[in-house]
C-alpha atoms as a PDB file:
ATOM      1  CA  MET A   1       0.000   0.000   0.000  1.00  0.00           C
ATOM      2  CA  THR A   2       1.209   3.489  -0.840  1.00  0.00           C
ATOM      3  CA  ALA A   3       1.398   5.694   2.226  1.00  0.00           C
ATOM      4  CA  PRO A   4      -1.120   8.559   2.147  1.00  0.00           C
ATOM      5  CA  SER A   5       0.045  12.159   1.844  1.00  0.00           C
ATOM      6  CA  ILE A   6       0.464  13.890   5.181  1.00  0.00           C
ATOM      7  CA  THR A   7       0.421  17.417   6.587  1.00  0.00           C
ATOM      8  CA  LEU A   8       2.592  18.430   9.543  1.00  0.00           C
ATOM      9  CA  THR A   9       2.988  21.627  11.528  1.00  0.00           C
ATOM     10  CA  ARG A  10       6.349  23.378  11.599  1.00  0.00           C
ATOM     11  CA  LEU A  11       6.293  23.291  15.406  1.00  0.00           C
ATOM     12  CA  ASP A  12       5.739  19.510  15.459  1.00  0.00           C
ATOM     13  CA  VAL A  13       8.518  19.012  12.907  1.00  0.00           C
ATOM     14  CA  GLN A  14      10.929  21.125  14.990  1.00  0.00           C
ATOM     15  CA  ARG A  15      10.078  19.304  18.215  1.00  0.00           C
ATOM     16  CA  LEU A  16      10.247  15.876  16.597  1.00  0.00           C
ATOM     17  CA  GLU A  17      13.584  16.625  14.933  1.00  0.00           C
ATOM     18  CA  ARG A  18      14.960  17.582  18.376  1.00  0.00           C
ATOM     19  CA  LEU A  19      13.605  14.292  19.745  1.00  0.00           C
ATOM     20  CA  ILE A  20      15.261  12.333  16.921  1.00  0.00           C
ATOM     21  CA  ASP A  21      18.563  14.158  17.527  1.00  0.00           C
ATOM     22  CA  SER A  22      18.464  13.071  21.187  1.00  0.00           C
ATOM     23  CA  LEU A  23      18.000   9.359  20.408  1.00  0.00           C
ATOM     24  CA  ASP A  24      19.889   6.518  18.745  1.00  0.00           C
ATOM     25  CA  GLU A  25      19.174   7.029  15.054  1.00  0.00           C
ATOM     26  CA  THR A  26      19.342   3.271  14.405  1.00  0.00           C
ATOM     27  CA  LEU A  27      16.286   2.486  16.570  1.00  0.00           C
ATOM     28  CA  PRO A  28      13.342   1.272  14.434  1.00  0.00           C
ATOM     29  CA  GLY A  29      10.960   3.862  15.901  1.00  0.00           C
ATOM     30  CA  VAL A  30      13.387   6.682  15.145  1.00  0.00           C
ATOM     31  CA  ILE A  31      13.890   5.443  11.579  1.00  0.00           C
ATOM     32  CA  ALA A  32      10.127   5.235  11.002  1.00  0.00           C
ATOM     33  CA  LEU A  33       9.534   8.703  12.445  1.00  0.00           C
ATOM     34  CA  GLN A  34      12.290  10.221  10.299  1.00  0.00           C
ATOM     35  CA  ALA A  35      10.736   8.582   7.230  1.00  0.00           C
ATOM     36  CA  GLU A  36       7.378  10.179   8.077  1.00  0.00           C
ATOM     37  CA  LEU A  37       8.965  13.615   8.527  1.00  0.00           C
ATOM     38  CA  ASP A  38      10.826  13.211   5.231  1.00  0.00           C
ATOM     39  CA  ARG A  39       7.688  12.350   3.258  1.00  0.00           C
ATOM     40  CA  ALA A  40       5.508  15.184   4.565  1.00  0.00           C
ATOM     41  CA  GLU A  41       4.094  16.990   1.544  1.00  0.00           C
ATOM     42  CA  ASN A  42       2.743  19.963   3.465  1.00  0.00           C
ATOM     43  CA  VAL A  43       4.418  21.653   6.422  1.00  0.00           C
ATOM     44  CA  VAL A  44       2.257  24.488   7.706  1.00  0.00           C
ATOM     45  CA  GLY A  45       2.052  26.882  10.624  1.00  0.00           C
ATOM     46  CA  HIS A  46       0.075  25.739  13.662  1.00  0.00           C
ATOM     47  CA  GLU A  47      -2.681  28.232  12.844  1.00  0.00           C
ATOM     48  CA  GLU A  48      -3.002  26.832   9.301  1.00  0.00           C
ATOM     49  CA  VAL A  49      -3.363  23.102   9.993  1.00  0.00           C
ATOM     50  CA  PRO A  50      -6.831  21.734   9.197  1.00  0.00           C
ATOM     51  CA  ALA A  51      -8.753  20.505  12.260  1.00  0.00           C
ATOM     52  CA  ASP A  52      -9.134  17.013  10.740  1.00  0.00           C
ATOM     53  CA  VAL A  53      -5.354  16.357  10.616  1.00  0.00           C
ATOM     54  CA  VAL A  54      -3.511  14.415  13.338  1.00  0.00           C
ATOM     55  CA  THR A  55      -0.871  16.494  15.108  1.00  0.00           C
ATOM     56  CA  MET A  56       1.119  15.777  18.255  1.00  0.00           C
ATOM     57  CA  ASN A  57      -1.126  15.389  21.328  1.00  0.00           C
ATOM     58  CA  SER A  58      -4.197  14.840  19.142  1.00  0.00           C
ATOM     59  CA  ARG A  59      -6.829  12.344  20.288  1.00  0.00           C
ATOM     60  CA  VAL A  60      -8.173  10.237  17.437  1.00  0.00           C
ATOM     61  CA  HIS A  61     -10.866   7.661  16.749  1.00  0.00           C
ATOM     62  CA  CYS A  62      -9.875   4.968  14.281  1.00  0.00           C
ATOM     63  CA  ARG A  63     -11.257   1.586  13.234  1.00  0.00           C
ATOM     64  CA  GLU A  64      -9.560  -1.655  12.323  1.00  0.00           C
ATOM     65  CA  GLU A  65     -11.029  -2.631   8.964  1.00  0.00           C
ATOM     66  CA  SER A  66     -10.850  -6.430   9.346  1.00  0.00           C
ATOM     67  CA  ASN A  67     -12.983  -6.697  12.497  1.00  0.00           C
ATOM     68  CA  GLY A  68     -14.544  -3.262  13.041  1.00  0.00           C
ATOM     69  CA  LYS A  69     -12.762  -2.725  16.368  1.00  0.00           C
ATOM     70  CA  ASP A  70     -12.568   0.941  17.350  1.00  0.00           C
ATOM     71  CA  TYR A  71      -9.576   2.590  18.982  1.00  0.00           C
ATOM     72  CA  HIS A  72      -9.390   5.940  20.739  1.00  0.00           C
ATOM     73  CA  LEU A  73      -5.735   6.954  20.842  1.00  0.00           C
ATOM     74  CA  THR A  74      -3.769  10.037  21.831  1.00  0.00           C
ATOM     75  CA  LEU A  75      -0.498  10.647  19.983  1.00  0.00           C
ATOM     76  CA  VAL A  76       2.164  11.677  22.515  1.00  0.00           C
ATOM     77  CA  TYR A  77       5.887  12.082  23.042  1.00  0.00           C
ATOM     78  CA  PRO A  78       7.642   8.973  24.420  1.00  0.00           C
ATOM     79  CA  GLN A  79       7.787  10.217  28.024  1.00  0.00           C
ATOM     80  CA  ASP A  80       3.977  10.624  28.083  1.00  0.00           C
ATOM     81  CA  ALA A  81       3.121   7.225  26.577  1.00  0.00           C
ATOM     82  CA  ASN A  82       0.793   4.893  28.490  1.00  0.00           C
ATOM     83  CA  ALA A  83      -0.795   2.114  26.452  1.00  0.00           C
ATOM     84  CA  ASP A  84      -3.384   1.377  29.154  1.00  0.00           C
ATOM     85  CA  GLU A  85      -4.696   4.939  28.736  1.00  0.00           C
ATOM     86  CA  GLY A  86      -4.469   4.880  24.923  1.00  0.00           C
ATOM     87  CA  ARG A  87      -1.528   7.306  24.966  1.00  0.00           C
ATOM     88  CA  ILE A  88       0.602   6.078  22.071  1.00  0.00           C
ATOM     89  CA  SER A  89       4.215   7.162  21.590  1.00  0.00           C
ATOM     90  CA  ILE A  90       5.174   8.852  18.357  1.00  0.00           C
ATOM     91  CA  LEU A  91       7.976   6.247  18.247  1.00  0.00           C
ATOM     92  CA  ALA A  92       5.517   3.317  18.187  1.00  0.00           C
ATOM     93  CA  PRO A  93       4.692   2.038  14.683  1.00  0.00           C
ATOM     94  CA  VAL A  94       1.084   3.190  14.872  1.00  0.00           C
ATOM     95  CA  GLY A  95       2.176   6.530  16.348  1.00  0.00           C
ATOM     96  CA  SER A  96       4.443   7.562  13.512  1.00  0.00           C
ATOM     97  CA  ALA A  97       1.920   6.189  10.994  1.00  0.00           C
ATOM     98  CA  LEU A  98      -0.910   8.338  12.436  1.00  0.00           C
ATOM     99  CA  LEU A  99       1.064  11.598  12.397  1.00  0.00           C
ATOM    100  CA  GLY A 100      -0.211  13.970   9.726  1.00  0.00           C
ATOM    101  CA  LEU A 101      -3.122  11.795   8.600  1.00  0.00           C
ATOM    102  CA  LYS A 102      -6.413  13.362   7.602  1.00  0.00           C
ATOM    103  CA  VAL A 103      -9.841  11.952   8.506  1.00  0.00           C
ATOM    104  CA  GLY A 104     -10.832   9.277   6.004  1.00  0.00           C
ATOM    105  CA  GLN A 105      -7.284   8.133   5.248  1.00  0.00           C
ATOM    106  CA  HIS A 106      -6.047   4.597   5.947  1.00  0.00           C
ATOM    107  CA  ILE A 107      -2.787   3.300   7.395  1.00  0.00           C
ATOM    108  CA  ASP A 108      -1.233  -0.118   7.740  1.00  0.00           C
ATOM    109  CA  TRP A 109      -0.476  -0.847  11.404  1.00  0.00           C
ATOM    110  CA  PRO A 110       2.236  -3.467  12.008  1.00  0.00           C
ATOM    111  CA  ALA A 111       0.810  -5.693  14.740  1.00  0.00           C
ATOM    112  CA  PRO A 112       2.491  -8.323  16.919  1.00  0.00           C
ATOM    113  CA  GLY A 113       3.098 -11.644  15.216  1.00  0.00           C
ATOM    114  CA  GLY A 114       3.897 -10.108  11.857  1.00  0.00           C
ATOM    115  CA  LYS A 115       0.292  -9.248  11.006  1.00  0.00           C
ATOM    116  CA  THR A 116      -0.606  -5.940   9.408  1.00  0.00           C
ATOM    117  CA  LEU A 117      -3.857  -4.274  10.378  1.00  0.00           C
ATOM    118  CA  LYS A 118      -5.542  -1.631   8.239  1.00  0.00           C
ATOM    119  CA  LEU A 119      -6.797   1.315  10.278  1.00  0.00           C
ATOM    120  CA  THR A 120      -9.092   4.053   9.038  1.00  0.00           C
ATOM    121  CA  LEU A 121      -8.987   7.453  10.727  1.00  0.00           C
ATOM    122  CA  LEU A 122     -12.625   8.257  11.521  1.00  0.00           C
ATOM    123  CA  GLU A 123     -12.289  11.412  13.605  1.00  0.00           C
ATOM    124  CA  VAL A 124      -9.815  13.775  15.211  1.00  0.00           C
ATOM    125  CA  GLU A 125     -11.601  14.114  18.551  1.00  0.00           C
ATOM    126  CA  TYR A 126      -9.186  16.726  19.857  1.00  0.00           C
ATOM    127  CA  GLN A 127      -6.406  18.618  18.135  1.00  0.00           C
ATOM    128  CA  PRO A 128      -4.339  21.074  20.204  1.00  0.00           C
ATOM    129  CA  GLU A 129      -4.056  23.563  17.352  1.00  0.00           C
ATOM    130  CA  ALA A 130      -7.827  23.636  16.786  1.00  0.00           C
ATOM    131  CA  GLY A 131      -8.273  24.138  20.553  1.00  0.00           C
ATOM    132  CA  GLY A 132      -5.714  26.961  20.677  1.00  0.00           C
ATOM    133  CA  ASP A 133      -3.294  24.874  22.792  1.00  0.00           C
ATOM    134  CA  PHE A 134       0.015  25.673  21.102  1.00  0.00           C
ATOM    135  CA  HIS A 135       2.213  25.181  24.184  1.00  0.00           C
ATOM    136  CA  LEU A 136       1.748  21.385  24.365  1.00  0.00           C
END
């Protein structure tokens, strides 16, 4: 599957590049995140990002296509991750794959055991930029 086009904010890109610089660049999560940053087609100011695009600290509703299971996830920096609370690190495979997606787009989520799940982004339930929360 071809990865969908993504939109990122300049502030997210700056913060994520600092995160990458602070980590071992050979870690799989770091490699995947760098690949996402590199393929961003649109990098916009935080006041310009559409409200239906996933940015850092966004809460999203997505559905696994094969079984209809819904997920409510919040995309966070590694230090804030807590899987039990649905707080998914940007360095997790699904985290870097969600970044920059727009409602209606699909991603392939590498799951344990070598399976790949197809997730559809149904809703951005909360986006900091749309809520005026630029300090997060």
